[in-house]
């Protein structure tokens, strides 16, 4: 369960994972992505932010305001 004070972020895959390593492909799948231009909304936990840091060249991240979530 998400805590009330945690921020929401929108993660959009911007590049294909065809030439990505197996580890990066698994991270993209764990984030709920799979194809370019797909987006998911996640809570900005340390675990999610760590995954994003590993695949930052494949995704774009936007912080959502409270009324967009």
Protein backbone atom coordinates (compact mmCIF):
# COMPACT_ATOMS: atom_id res chain seq x y z
CA UNK A 1 0.00 0.00 0.00
CA UNK A 2 1.20 3.48 -0.84
CA UNK A 3 1.68 6.00 1.91
CA UNK A 4 -0.33 9.20 1.63
CA UNK A 5 2.75 11.43 1.31
CA UNK A 6 4.49 9.50 -1.48
CA UNK A 7 4.67 11.14 -4.90
CA UNK A 8 3.29 9.58 -8.06
CA UNK A 9 5.36 9.46 -11.23
CA UNK A 10 4.50 8.63 -14.83
CA UNK A 11 7.07 6.39 -16.52
CA UNK A 12 7.00 6.30 -20.33
CA UNK A 13 9.13 3.90 -22.35
CA UNK A 14 10.75 5.90 -25.15
CA UNK A 15 13.09 3.34 -26.71
CA UNK A 16 12.77 -0.28 -27.79
CA UNK A 17 14.34 -3.04 -25.70
CA UNK A 18 15.38 -5.16 -28.69
CA UNK A 19 19.12 -4.55 -28.21
CA UNK A 20 18.93 -4.13 -24.42
CA UNK A 21 20.55 -6.57 -22.02
CA UNK A 22 18.47 -9.30 -20.42
CA UNK A 23 18.70 -7.48 -17.09
CA UNK A 24 17.30 -4.26 -18.59
CA UNK A 25 14.48 -6.18 -20.30
CA UNK A 26 13.48 -7.67 -16.95
CA UNK A 27 13.48 -4.23 -15.30
CA UNK A 28 11.24 -2.80 -18.05
CA UNK A 29 8.84 -5.73 -17.59
CA UNK A 30 8.87 -5.26 -13.78
CA UNK A 31 7.98 -1.58 -14.22
CA UNK A 32 4.91 -2.64 -16.22
CA UNK A 33 6.19 -1.45 -19.58
CA UNK A 34 6.93 -3.40 -22.74
CA UNK A 35 6.59 -1.25 -25.85
CA UNK A 36 7.73 2.23 -26.80
CA UNK A 37 5.26 5.02 -25.96
CA UNK A 38 3.57 2.95 -23.22
CA UNK A 39 3.13 4.73 -19.88
CA UNK A 40 2.43 3.59 -16.35
CA UNK A 41 1.85 5.52 -13.13
CA UNK A 42 3.86 4.29 -10.15
CA UNK A 43 4.52 5.48 -6.62
CA UNK A 44 8.02 6.96 -6.29
CA UNK A 45 9.49 4.41 -3.88
CA UNK A 46 13.25 3.85 -3.54
CA UNK A 47 12.87 0.51 -5.33
CA UNK A 48 11.08 2.03 -8.33
CA UNK A 49 13.54 4.94 -8.50
CA UNK A 50 16.44 2.47 -8.46
CA UNK A 51 14.95 0.53 -11.37
CA UNK A 52 14.43 3.78 -13.29
CA UNK A 53 18.08 4.73 -12.70
CA UNK A 54 19.21 1.47 -14.32
CA UNK A 55 17.10 1.97 -17.47
CA UNK A 56 17.12 5.78 -17.62
CA UNK A 57 18.25 5.65 -21.26
CA UNK A 58 15.04 3.75 -22.16
CA UNK A 59 12.42 5.72 -20.22
CA UNK A 60 11.16 9.25 -19.53
CA UNK A 61 9.88 10.15 -16.05
CA UNK A 62 7.39 12.88 -15.15
CA UNK A 63 6.25 13.81 -11.66
CA UNK A 64 2.47 14.05 -11.37
CA UNK A 65 0.72 16.64 -9.30
CA UNK A 66 -1.92 15.53 -6.80
CA UNK A 67 -4.85 16.38 -9.07
CA UNK A 68 -3.45 14.32 -12.01
CA UNK A 69 -3.13 11.06 -10.09
